[in-house]
Amino acid sequence: MAQRTVLFVLFDDVQSLDVTGPLEVFTGAEKHTPGTYRIRTASLDGAPVRTSSGLTVVPDQALGDRLDAHTLVVPGGQGTRSPQPGLTDWLREHGPGAKRLVSVCTGAILLAAAGLLDGHRATTHWAYCDKLARDHPAVEVDPDPIYVRDGHVATSAGVTSGIDLALALVEDDLGRDAALAIARHLVVFLRRPGNQAQFSAQLAAQTAQREPLREVQRWITEHPDADLTVEALAARASLSPRHFARAFQTETGMTPGRYVDRVRLEHARRLLEDTSDGVEEISRASGYGTPEAMRRAFVRTLGTAPVEYRRRFRPVLATEAR
């Protein structure tokens, strides 16, 4: 395949990991298969930039008056809130020339401001999804997945999800074996599915204010295979089922049933990733009862069956990486 130039846009107050995470993936891919990628960094005027963590980065070049790149990567960070004058204009003029347009975290806000996400489905950091949707109604914002791919446009959620997206792009370009080798080197998953939620159940739900409800949340997490019907959980909280269901949703932001579904799915995922237990054993331990019930939950939420999830997304064990 012809060498592809990957250009990272730099600006003051960029989030350093938004840049270095995906950059390490593409650099690893070039080392694995020499001649496939040419990685470049550029600021608007070619001057060094200071990241939000205080790290100074010296770019390879200025953005210039033409785009010489196959893949244009726009990271996020505090600098997207008040972007440098001219940066949005440069993206508006040159972004359409990229064969592949990629954003990490709030880099999606810059792409949207340049009109490059209009008519596309996209995501960004969970804390800025509402802002992206409000300020750019022509963008179909999906706040849940860790990354979204819509045609030649690919957007990722907060920070480390840029690594997941970069691995997915490398897998497209070079195949699964190359992406797996890079993931092994970086000691990361190959790869979290794009439709995996940005939040775990414990993060997505608020912590209940009242101790009986907090205790129920802990109980669900620690006993996913128990009887977790509303009636059983209400009894643990010493409330009527109706009162419990209403109070739980009010204080956590989700229904008991949805919370239980998320906890069970996460428990099953962890067992698939971290153990060699069989699917039937995992389905019982996670509260599904049968492999078919667990399969339906995985396909509905993650778009893949448990066996395929394990094959593609199980992290590499130390003995496998040697």
Protein backbone atom coordinates (compact mmCIF):
# COMPACT_ATOMS: atom_id res chain seq x y z
CA MET A 1 0.00 0.00 0.00
CA ALA A 2 1.09 3.57 -0.60
CA GLN A 3 2.48 5.51 2.34
CA ARG A 4 -0.17 7.58 4.13
CA THR A 5 0.63 10.86 5.81
CA VAL A 6 -1.07 11.34 9.19
CA LEU A 7 -1.09 14.99 10.22
CA PHE A 8 -1.78 16.01 13.83
CA VAL A 9 -3.02 19.56 14.37
CA LEU A 10 -1.43 21.28 17.39
CA PHE A 11 -2.54 24.40 19.25
CA ASP A 12 -2.01 26.00 22.65
CA ASP A 13 -3.81 24.25 25.53
CA VAL A 14 -4.22 21.05 23.55
CA GLN A 15 -4.68 17.91 25.68
CA SER A 16 -1.31 16.16 25.33
CA LEU A 17 -2.70 12.62 25.54
CA ASP A 18 -5.16 13.40 22.74
CA VAL A 19 -2.08 13.85 20.57
CA THR A 20 0.41 11.35 21.93
CA GLY A 21 -2.02 8.44 22.36
CA PRO A 22 -3.07 8.12 18.70
CA LEU A 23 0.38 9.26 17.57
CA GLU A 24 1.99 6.31 19.37
CA VAL A 25 -0.45 3.96 17.65
CA PHE A 26 0.40 5.22 14.16
CA THR A 27 4.11 5.35 14.98
CA GLY A 28 3.92 1.76 16.20
CA ALA A 29 2.18 0.79 12.98
CA GLU A 30 4.95 2.38 10.92
CA LYS A 31 7.57 0.45 12.91
CA HIS A 32 5.60 -2.76 12.46
CA THR A 33 5.13 -2.25 8.72
CA PRO A 34 7.73 0.27 7.47
CA GLY A 35 6.65 2.59 4.73
CA THR A 36 2.95 2.63 5.60
CA TYR A 37 2.68 5.87 7.58
CA ARG A 38 4.39 9.23 7.63
CA ILE A 39 3.51 10.99 10.88
CA ARG A 40 3.68 14.79 11.04
CA THR A 41 2.65 17.44 13.57
CA ALA A 42 1.80 21.03 12.71
CA SER A 43 0.66 24.21 14.42
CA LEU A 44 -0.96 27.10 12.64
CA ASP A 45 2.29 29.04 12.28
CA GLY A 46 4.80 26.28 13.02
CA ALA A 47 5.60 27.70 16.47
CA PRO A 48 5.86 25.48 19.59
CA VAL A 49 2.65 24.98 21.54
CA ARG A 50 2.11 24.55 25.26
CA THR A 51 -0.30 21.78 26.21
CA SER A 52 -2.88 22.07 28.98
CA SER A 53 -0.55 20.09 31.27
CA GLY A 54 2.32 22.50 30.67
CA LEU A 55 4.27 20.31 28.24
CA THR A 56 5.82 22.20 25.34
CA VAL A 57 5.61 20.47 21.97
CA VAL A 58 7.65 21.54 18.94
CA PRO A 59 5.73 20.77 15.73
CA ASP A 60 7.34 19.53 12.54
CA GLN A 61 5.87 22.26 10.40
CA ALA A 62 3.26 24.97 9.94
CA LEU A 63 -0.15 23.98 8.67
CA GLY A 64 0.53 25.94 5.49
CA ASP A 65 -1.63 26.84 2.53
CA ARG A 66 -2.35 23.30 1.39
CA LEU A 67 -3.14 19.95 2.95
CA ASP A 68 -0.62 17.20 2.27
CA ALA A 69 -2.13 14.42 4.34
CA HIS A 70 -4.30 11.37 3.98
CA THR A 71 -5.50 11.43 7.61
CA LEU A 72 -6.04 14.69 9.48
CA VAL A 73 -6.21 14.29 13.27
CA VAL A 74 -7.67 17.14 15.36
CA PRO A 75 -7.17 16.63 19.12
CA GLY A 76 -9.10 18.33 21.89
CA GLY A 77 -8.36 20.15 25.10
CA GLN A 78 -8.96 23.51 26.71
CA GLY A 79 -7.71 25.24 23.57
CA THR A 80 -10.88 24.23 21.72
CA ARG A 81 -12.95 26.57 23.91
CA SER A 82 -11.34 29.69 22.45
CA PRO A 83 -9.41 28.44 19.42
CA GLN A 84 -6.58 30.37 17.85
CA PRO A 85 -7.76 32.91 15.29
CA GLY A 86 -7.46 31.33 11.89
CA LEU A 87 -7.47 27.70 13.04
CA THR A 88 -11.16 27.14 12.32
CA ASP A 89 -10.78 28.91 8.98
CA TRP A 90 -7.86 26.64 8.08
CA LEU A 91 -9.89 23.55 8.95
CA ARG A 92 -12.89 24.81 6.98
CA GLU A 93 -10.73 25.39 3.91
CA HIS A 94 -8.46 22.35 4.04
CA GLY A 95 -10.36 19.75 6.05
CA PRO A 96 -12.51 18.61 3.10
CA GLY A 97 -9.31 17.58 1.31
CA ALA A 98 -8.51 14.86 3.85
CA LYS A 99 -9.31 11.30 2.84
CA ARG A 100 -9.92 10.61 6.54
CA LEU A 101 -10.95 13.24 9.06
CA VAL A 102 -10.42 12.29 12.71
CA SER A 103 -11.08 14.06 15.99
CA VAL A 104 -10.17 13.13 19.55
CA CYS A 105 -12.25 14.36 22.49
CA THR A 106 -13.31 18.01 22.03
CA GLY A 107 -11.48 18.20 18.73
CA ALA A 108 -14.97 17.46 17.40
CA ILE A 109 -15.97 20.97 18.45
CA LEU A 110 -13.34 22.43 16.13
CA LEU A 111 -14.47 20.23 13.25
CA ALA A 112 -18.09 21.20 13.88
CA ALA A 113 -17.21 24.91 14.01
CA ALA A 114 -15.59 24.48 10.60
CA GLY A 115 -18.77 22.86 9.25
CA LEU A 116 -17.03 19.53 8.73
CA LEU A 117 -19.45 17.49 10.86
CA ASP A 118 -22.69 18.80 9.35
CA GLY A 119 -24.88 15.88 8.36
CA HIS A 120 -22.62 13.40 10.15
CA ARG A 121 -23.10 11.30 13.26
CA ALA A 122 -20.41 12.17 15.81
CA THR A 123 -19.38 12.01 19.44
CA THR A 124 -17.10 13.84 21.83
CA HIS A 125 -16.23 13.88 25.52
CA TRP A 126 -19.39 13.18 27.53
CA ALA A 127 -19.19 16.55 29.30
CA TYR A 128 -19.39 18.42 25.97
CA CYS A 129 -21.95 16.38 24.01
CA ASP A 130 -24.81 18.69 25.00
CA LYS A 131 -22.80 21.73 23.95
CA LEU A 132 -21.89 20.15 20.62
CA ALA A 133 -25.52 19.29 19.93
CA ARG A 134 -26.79 22.70 21.06
CA ASP A 135 -24.25 24.78 19.13
CA HIS A 136 -24.30 22.65 15.99
CA PRO A 137 -27.80 21.27 15.33
CA ALA A 138 -26.75 19.96 11.91
CA VAL A 139 -24.54 17.39 13.69
CA GLU A 140 -26.14 14.14 14.90
CA VAL A 141 -24.48 13.84 18.31
CA ASP A 142 -24.34 10.41 19.95
CA PRO A 143 -23.19 10.86 23.56
CA ASP A 144 -22.77 7.19 24.42
CA PRO A 145 -20.08 5.43 22.31
CA ILE A 146 -16.35 5.80 22.75
CA TYR A 147 -15.99 6.49 19.04
CA VAL A 148 -18.19 6.92 15.99
CA ARG A 149 -17.31 6.38 12.34
CA ASP A 150 -19.51 7.92 9.67
CA GLY A 151 -18.08 7.71 6.19
CA HIS A 152 -14.66 9.36 6.05
CA VAL A 153 -15.28 11.15 9.39
CA ALA A 154 -14.30 9.47 12.66
CA THR A 155 -14.80 11.10 16.06
CA SER A 156 -13.86 9.76 19.49
CA ALA A 157 -14.89 10.50 23.04
CA GLY A 158 -12.65 11.63 25.88
CA VAL A 159 -8.88 11.34 25.82
CA THR A 160 -7.88 7.64 25.84
CA SER A 161 -10.66 6.66 23.42
CA GLY A 162 -8.48 8.24 20.74
CA ILE A 163 -6.18 5.22 21.14
CA ASP A 164 -9.12 2.88 20.51
CA LEU A 165 -10.09 4.80 17.39
CA ALA A 166 -6.50 4.88 16.10
CA LEU A 167 -6.21 1.11 16.59
CA ALA A 168 -9.44 0.64 14.64
CA LEU A 169 -8.07 2.75 11.78
CA VAL A 170 -4.79 0.83 11.74
CA GLU A 171 -6.73 -2.43 11.71
CA ASP A 172 -8.59 -1.17 8.63
CA ASP A 173 -5.33 -0.23 6.93
CA LEU A 174 -2.99 -3.06 7.91
CA GLY A 175 -5.18 -5.82 9.31
CA ARG A 176 -5.91 -7.26 12.72
CA ASP A 177 -2.47 -8.85 13.28
CA ALA A 178 -0.71 -5.50 12.94
CA ALA A 179 -3.17 -3.76 15.24
CA LEU A 180 -2.84 -6.59 17.75
CA ALA A 181 0.95 -6.27 17.76
CA ILE A 182 0.67 -2.54 18.46
CA ALA A 183 -1.87 -3.10 21.22
CA ARG A 184 0.46 -5.64 22.80
CA HIS A 185 3.32 -3.16 22.74
CA LEU A 186 1.18 -0.42 24.28
CA VAL A 187 -0.44 -2.88 26.74
CA VAL A 188 -3.97 -1.86 25.79
CA PHE A 189 -7.10 -3.67 24.68
CA LEU A 190 -7.44 -4.60 21.05
CA ARG A 191 -9.77 -2.96 20.89
CA ARG A 192 -12.74 -1.66 22.81
CA PRO A 193 -15.73 -1.70 20.47
CA GLY A 194 -16.74 1.74 19.25
CA ASN A 195 -20.22 1.34 20.65
CA GLN A 196 -18.95 0.59 24.13
CA ALA A 197 -20.43 3.15 26.50
CA GLN A 198 -18.24 6.03 27.72
CA PHE A 199 -19.44 5.28 31.27
CA SER A 200 -19.50 2.23 33.43
CA ALA A 201 -22.80 1.74 35.23
CA GLN A 202 -21.28 3.10 38.42
CA LEU A 203 -20.11 6.25 36.65
CA ALA A 204 -23.18 6.67 34.45
CA ALA A 205 -25.49 6.54 37.44
CA GLN A 206 -25.30 9.07 40.20
CA THR A 207 -24.58 7.81 43.68
CA ALA A 208 -27.83 7.76 45.62
CA GLN A 209 -28.11 10.22 48.49
CA ARG A 210 -29.83 7.89 50.92
CA GLU A 211 -27.79 5.11 52.49
CA PRO A 212 -30.36 2.32 51.86
CA LEU A 213 -30.25 3.10 48.14
CA ARG A 214 -26.45 3.35 48.11
CA GLU A 215 -26.34 -0.05 49.81
CA VAL A 216 -28.57 -1.45 47.08
CA GLN A 217 -26.21 -0.08 44.44
CA ARG A 218 -23.29 -1.80 46.14
CA TRP A 219 -25.28 -5.03 46.49
CA ILE A 220 -26.11 -5.07 42.77
CA THR A 221 -22.46 -4.58 41.82
CA GLU A 222 -21.23 -7.29 44.18
CA HIS A 223 -24.01 -9.81 43.45
CA PRO A 224 -24.96 -9.61 39.75
CA ASP A 225 -26.15 -13.23 39.86
CA ALA A 226 -28.63 -12.61 42.69
CA ASP A 227 -32.35 -11.94 42.46
CA LEU A 228 -32.29 -8.32 41.33
CA THR A 229 -35.95 -7.77 40.62
CA VAL A 230 -37.47 -4.52 41.80
CA GLU A 231 -39.33 -6.42 44.48
CA ALA A 232 -36.17 -8.05 45.84
CA LEU A 233 -34.18 -4.80 45.77
CA ALA A 234 -37.02 -2.87 47.36
CA ALA A 235 -37.09 -5.38 50.21
CA ARG A 236 -33.38 -4.79 50.81
CA ALA A 237 -34.05 -1.06 51.04
CA SER A 238 -37.10 -1.61 53.27
CA LEU A 239 -39.30 0.27 50.80
CA SER A 240 -42.33 -0.65 48.77
CA PRO A 241 -41.50 -1.63 45.17
CA ARG A 242 -43.25 1.46 43.80
CA HIS A 243 -41.55 3.84 46.24
CA PHE A 244 -38.16 2.16 45.68
CA ALA A 245 -38.35 2.32 41.89
CA ARG A 246 -39.31 6.01 41.96
CA ALA A 247 -36.66 6.93 44.54
CA PHE A 248 -33.91 4.95 42.79
CA GLN A 249 -34.52 6.67 39.46
CA THR A 250 -34.77 10.09 41.09
CA GLU A 251 -31.49 9.72 42.97
CA THR A 252 -29.41 7.80 40.42
CA GLY A 253 -30.78 9.06 37.12
CA MET A 254 -31.73 5.62 35.79
CA THR A 255 -34.26 2.92 36.51
CA PRO A 256 -33.28 -0.09 38.65
CA GLY A 257 -33.71 -2.36 35.65
CA ARG A 258 -31.35 -0.34 33.47
CA TYR A 259 -28.78 -0.16 36.24
CA VAL A 260 -28.93 -3.94 36.72
CA ASP A 261 -28.58 -4.48 32.96
CA ARG A 262 -25.44 -2.35 32.83
CA VAL A 263 -23.85 -3.98 35.86
CA ARG A 264 -24.49 -7.47 34.50
CA LEU A 265 -23.11 -6.59 31.09
CA GLU A 266 -19.96 -5.10 32.58
CA HIS A 267 -19.47 -8.11 34.85
CA ALA A 268 -19.80 -10.48 31.90
CA ARG A 269 -17.40 -8.38 29.83
CA ARG A 270 -14.78 -8.43 32.56
CA LEU A 271 -15.03 -12.20 32.89
CA LEU A 272 -14.71 -12.63 29.12
CA GLU A 273 -11.69 -10.33 29.09
CA ASP A 274 -9.90 -11.57 32.21
CA THR A 275 -10.71 -15.28 32.54
CA SER A 276 -10.91 -18.44 30.48
CA ASP A 277 -14.29 -19.38 31.96
CA GLY A 278 -16.83 -20.76 29.51
CA VAL A 279 -19.74 -18.71 28.20
CA GLU A 280 -22.28 -20.82 30.08
CA GLU A 281 -20.43 -20.34 33.38
CA ILE A 282 -20.08 -16.60 32.76
CA SER A 283 -23.75 -16.24 31.89
CA ARG A 284 -24.73 -17.78 35.22
CA ALA A 285 -22.16 -15.76 37.20
CA SER A 286 -23.39 -12.53 35.60
CA GLY A 287 -27.05 -13.16 36.31
CA TYR A 288 -28.21 -13.97 32.79
CA GLY A 289 -29.01 -17.58 33.58
CA THR A 290 -28.45 -18.87 30.04
CA PRO A 291 -25.89 -18.21 27.30
CA GLU A 292 -28.72 -17.19 24.95
CA ALA A 293 -29.92 -14.47 27.32
CA MET A 294 -26.36 -13.14 27.60
CA ARG A 295 -25.91 -13.30 23.83
CA ARG A 296 -29.04 -11.21 23.30
CA ALA A 297 -27.81 -8.59 25.79
CA PHE A 298 -24.40 -8.37 24.09
CA VAL A 299 -25.81 -8.11 20.58
CA ARG A 300 -28.36 -5.50 21.67
CA THR A 301 -25.84 -3.30 23.48
CA LEU A 302 -22.44 -3.99 21.91
CA GLY A 303 -23.44 -5.30 18.50
CA THR A 304 -21.43 -8.50 18.91
CA ALA A 305 -21.90 -11.92 20.48
CA PRO A 306 -19.93 -12.89 23.64
CA VAL A 307 -17.67 -15.36 21.80
CA GLU A 308 -16.76 -12.76 19.19
CA TYR A 309 -16.29 -10.12 21.90
CA ARG A 310 -13.78 -12.35 23.66
CA ARG A 311 -11.93 -13.09 20.43
CA ARG A 312 -11.56 -9.46 19.44
CA PHE A 313 -11.40 -7.50 22.65
CA ARG A 314 -9.77 -9.67 25.27
CA PRO A 315 -6.58 -7.94 26.51
CA VAL A 316 -3.33 -9.71 25.81
CA LEU A 317 -1.98 -11.74 28.72
CA ALA A 318 1.68 -11.41 29.66
CA THR A 319 2.42 -14.97 28.51
CA GLU A 320 0.86 -14.19 25.11
CA ALA A 321 2.89 -11.02 24.66
CA ARG A 322 6.27 -12.71 25.01
